[in-house]
Amino acid sequence: MLSRYIVFWKIIKSEFSDIVINAELYVDRIRLTLVDGSWIEIRYPVEGKFSFHLQEGSKIYRIDTAPHHREIKTFPRHIHLGSEDNVVEDYVLDEKAQPEENLRKFMRWVREIMRENH
């Protein structure tokens, strides 16, 4: 699993260094610090199961596959958009994409959020 996060870090360093200033690698996750002080935690233990979490002050933006919110069309994938309670369909990631491509999609989405909020 750690090898996946090392690959993620290489992608982040080469493609998203404009928004990421630090990374901490753990066996089960990678944690990123962003230029505006917000942070990201990514957990991707196996293909198809993941959590991409952006914490921006008290706002959260998380895309995950926790098996709740069965009413969501993209179940189990869903987005917590701004708060835990605001749950919408996952319009960012692709269920058929490789983990590295979903990482890129998430990081581009984060970049957009940062632009909109600042």
C-alpha atoms as a PDB file:
ATOM      1  CA  MET A   1       0.000   0.000   0.000  1.00  0.00           C
ATOM      2  CA  LEU A   2       2.804   2.401   0.827  1.00  0.00           C
ATOM      3  CA  SER A   3       4.045   2.009  -2.747  1.00  0.00           C
ATOM      4  CA  ARG A   4       0.735   3.449  -4.009  1.00  0.00           C
ATOM      5  CA  TYR A   5       1.234   6.547  -1.859  1.00  0.00           C
ATOM      6  CA  ILE A   6       4.808   6.935  -3.087  1.00  0.00           C
ATOM      7  CA  VAL A   7       3.486   6.937  -6.666  1.00  0.00           C
ATOM      8  CA  PHE A   8       0.804   9.442  -5.621  1.00  0.00           C
ATOM      9  CA  TRP A   9       3.478  11.695  -4.113  1.00  0.00           C
ATOM     10  CA  LYS A  10       5.525  11.624  -7.326  1.00  0.00           C
ATOM     11  CA  ILE A  11       2.449  12.670  -9.318  1.00  0.00           C
ATOM     12  CA  ILE A  12       1.578  15.410  -6.838  1.00  0.00           C
ATOM     13  CA  LYS A  13       5.143  16.742  -6.818  1.00  0.00           C
ATOM     14  CA  SER A  14       5.368  16.876 -10.601  1.00  0.00           C
ATOM     15  CA  GLU A  15       1.824  18.048 -11.440  1.00  0.00           C
ATOM     16  CA  PHE A  16       0.431  19.888  -8.406  1.00  0.00           C
ATOM     17  CA  SER A  17       3.395  21.648  -6.784  1.00  0.00           C
ATOM     18  CA  ASP A  18       1.592  24.957  -7.333  1.00  0.00           C
ATOM     19  CA  ILE A  19      -0.891  24.054  -4.581  1.00  0.00           C
ATOM     20  CA  VAL A  20       0.901  21.453  -2.406  1.00  0.00           C
ATOM     21  CA  ILE A  21       3.756  22.476  -0.103  1.00  0.00           C
ATOM     22  CA  ASN A  22       4.271  19.328   1.977  1.00  0.00           C
ATOM     23  CA  ALA A  23       3.437  15.637   2.112  1.00  0.00           C
ATOM     24  CA  GLU A  24       3.520  13.102   4.922  1.00  0.00           C
ATOM     25  CA  LEU A  25       3.515   9.457   3.869  1.00  0.00           C
ATOM     26  CA  TYR A  26       2.016   6.800   6.114  1.00  0.00           C
ATOM     27  CA  VAL A  27       1.433   3.104   5.551  1.00  0.00           C
ATOM     28  CA  ASP A  28      -2.321   3.653   5.126  1.00  0.00           C
ATOM     29  CA  ARG A  29      -2.555   7.222   3.765  1.00  0.00           C
ATOM     30  CA  ILE A  30      -0.879  10.337   2.471  1.00  0.00           C
ATOM     31  CA  ARG A  31      -1.480  13.728   4.051  1.00  0.00           C
ATOM     32  CA  LEU A  32      -0.824  16.916   2.079  1.00  0.00           C
ATOM     33  CA  THR A  33      -0.492  20.495   3.251  1.00  0.00           C
ATOM     34  CA  LEU A  34      -1.677  23.102   0.764  1.00  0.00           C
ATOM     35  CA  VAL A  35      -0.394  26.622   0.139  1.00  0.00           C
ATOM     36  CA  ASP A  36      -3.463  28.187   1.796  1.00  0.00           C
ATOM     37  CA  GLY A  37      -3.077  26.160   5.016  1.00  0.00           C
ATOM     38  CA  SER A  38      -5.800  23.647   4.198  1.00  0.00           C
ATOM     39  CA  TRP A  39      -4.959  19.962   4.043  1.00  0.00           C
ATOM     40  CA  ILE A  40      -5.810  16.769   2.193  1.00  0.00           C
ATOM     41  CA  GLU A  41      -5.833  13.194   3.412  1.00  0.00           C
ATOM     42  CA  ILE A  42      -6.008  10.388   0.864  1.00  0.00           C
ATOM     43  CA  ARG A  43      -6.736   6.767   1.690  1.00  0.00           C
ATOM     44  CA  TYR A  44      -6.836   4.262  -1.164  1.00  0.00           C
ATOM     45  CA  PRO A  45      -6.350   0.791   0.378  1.00  0.00           C
ATOM     46  CA  VAL A  46      -7.598  -1.175  -2.654  1.00  0.00           C
ATOM     47  CA  GLU A  47      -8.937  -0.300  -6.063  1.00  0.00           C
ATOM     48  CA  GLY A  48     -12.532   0.820  -5.833  1.00  0.00           C
ATOM     49  CA  LYS A  49     -12.308   1.775  -2.144  1.00  0.00           C
ATOM     50  CA  PHE A  50     -11.043   5.225  -1.272  1.00  0.00           C
ATOM     51  CA  SER A  51     -11.411   8.475   0.593  1.00  0.00           C
ATOM     52  CA  PHE A  52     -10.153  11.796  -0.758  1.00  0.00           C
ATOM     53  CA  HIS A  53     -10.652  14.403   1.982  1.00  0.00           C
ATOM     54  CA  LEU A  54     -10.006  18.152   1.716  1.00  0.00           C
ATOM     55  CA  GLN A  55     -10.276  20.150   4.943  1.00  0.00           C
ATOM     56  CA  GLU A  56     -10.505  23.910   4.396  1.00  0.00           C
ATOM     57  CA  GLY A  57     -11.119  25.529   7.774  1.00  0.00           C
ATOM     58  CA  SER A  58     -14.459  24.146   8.960  1.00  0.00           C
ATOM     59  CA  LYS A  59     -15.470  23.117   5.424  1.00  0.00           C
ATOM     60  CA  ILE A  60     -14.934  19.591   4.172  1.00  0.00           C
ATOM     61  CA  TYR A  61     -14.915  18.269   0.645  1.00  0.00           C
ATOM     62  CA  ARG A  62     -14.665  14.493   0.630  1.00  0.00           C
ATOM     63  CA  ILE A  63     -15.191  11.905  -2.044  1.00  0.00           C
ATOM     64  CA  ASP A  64     -15.423   8.406  -0.642  1.00  0.00           C
ATOM     65  CA  THR A  65     -16.881   4.959  -1.060  1.00  0.00           C
ATOM     66  CA  ALA A  66     -18.217   4.349   2.450  1.00  0.00           C
ATOM     67  CA  PRO A  67     -21.295   2.165   1.879  1.00  0.00           C
ATOM     68  CA  HIS A  68     -23.961   4.564   3.096  1.00  0.00           C
ATOM     69  CA  HIS A  69     -26.153   7.026   1.180  1.00  0.00           C
ATOM     70  CA  ARG A  70     -27.725   4.288  -0.921  1.00  0.00           C
ATOM     71  CA  GLU A  71     -30.094   6.862  -2.402  1.00  0.00           C
ATOM     72  CA  ILE A  72     -27.203   8.462  -4.313  1.00  0.00           C
ATOM     73  CA  LYS A  73     -27.109   7.492  -7.987  1.00  0.00           C
ATOM     74  CA  THR A  74     -23.322   6.895  -7.903  1.00  0.00           C
ATOM     75  CA  PHE A  75     -23.515   4.686  -4.772  1.00  0.00           C
ATOM     76  CA  PRO A  76     -21.230   3.862  -3.107  1.00  0.00           C
ATOM     77  CA  ARG A  77     -19.245   6.851  -4.457  1.00  0.00           C
ATOM     78  CA  HIS A  78     -20.439  10.194  -3.122  1.00  0.00           C
ATOM     79  CA  ILE A  79     -19.218  13.677  -2.248  1.00  0.00           C
ATOM     80  CA  HIS A  80     -19.539  15.516   1.047  1.00  0.00           C
ATOM     81  CA  LEU A  81     -19.711  19.014  -0.415  1.00  0.00           C
ATOM     82  CA  GLY A  82     -18.771  21.629   2.173  1.00  0.00           C
ATOM     83  CA  SER A  83     -20.069  19.638   5.154  1.00  0.00           C
ATOM     84  CA  GLU A  84     -20.726  16.098   6.358  1.00  0.00           C
ATOM     85  CA  ASP A  85     -24.469  16.564   5.842  1.00  0.00           C
ATOM     86  CA  ASN A  86     -24.419  17.898   2.273  1.00  0.00           C
ATOM     87  CA  VAL A  87     -24.017  14.661   0.271  1.00  0.00           C
ATOM     88  CA  VAL A  88     -24.240  14.625  -3.526  1.00  0.00           C
ATOM     89  CA  GLU A  89     -23.447  12.288  -6.397  1.00  0.00           C
ATOM     90  CA  ASP A  90     -19.792  11.873  -7.311  1.00  0.00           C
ATOM     91  CA  TYR A  91     -19.357  13.959 -10.456  1.00  0.00           C
ATOM     92  CA  VAL A  92     -15.555  14.209 -10.119  1.00  0.00           C
ATOM     93  CA  LEU A  93     -14.073  10.700 -10.192  1.00  0.00           C
ATOM     94  CA  ASP A  94     -14.509   7.833 -12.619  1.00  0.00           C
ATOM     95  CA  GLU A  95     -15.290   4.399 -11.198  1.00  0.00           C
ATOM     96  CA  LYS A  96     -13.403   2.757 -14.087  1.00  0.00           C
ATOM     97  CA  ALA A  97     -10.277   4.916 -13.810  1.00  0.00           C
ATOM     98  CA  GLN A  98      -7.000   3.766 -12.314  1.00  0.00           C
ATOM     99  CA  PRO A  99      -6.155   5.171  -8.848  1.00  0.00           C
ATOM    100  CA  GLU A 100      -3.545   7.518 -10.329  1.00  0.00           C
ATOM    101  CA  GLU A 101      -6.066   9.058 -12.715  1.00  0.00           C
ATOM    102  CA  ASN A 102      -8.628   9.505  -9.944  1.00  0.00           C
ATOM    103  CA  LEU A 103      -5.919  11.210  -7.890  1.00  0.00           C
ATOM    104  CA  ARG A 104      -5.347  13.640 -10.773  1.00  0.00           C
ATOM    105  CA  LYS A 105      -9.084  14.280 -11.125  1.00  0.00           C
ATOM    106  CA  PHE A 106      -9.403  14.962  -7.392  1.00  0.00           C
ATOM    107  CA  MET A 107      -6.391  17.283  -7.325  1.00  0.00           C
ATOM    108  CA  ARG A 108      -7.712  19.276 -10.310  1.00  0.00           C
ATOM    109  CA  TRP A 109     -11.039  19.582  -8.468  1.00  0.00           C
ATOM    110  CA  VAL A 110      -9.203  20.813  -5.353  1.00  0.00           C
ATOM    111  CA  ARG A 111      -7.392  23.402  -7.467  1.00  0.00           C
ATOM    112  CA  GLU A 112     -10.788  24.650  -8.723  1.00  0.00           C
ATOM    113  CA  ILE A 113     -12.189  24.818  -5.178  1.00  0.00           C
ATOM    114  CA  MET A 114      -9.167  26.815  -4.045  1.00  0.00           C
ATOM    115  CA  ARG A 115      -9.611  29.286  -6.909  1.00  0.00           C
ATOM    116  CA  GLU A 116     -13.327  29.705  -6.163  1.00  0.00           C
ATOM    117  CA  ASN A 117     -12.792  30.200  -2.423  1.00  0.00           C
ATOM    118  CA  HIS A 118      -9.921  32.678  -2.625  1.00  0.00           C
END
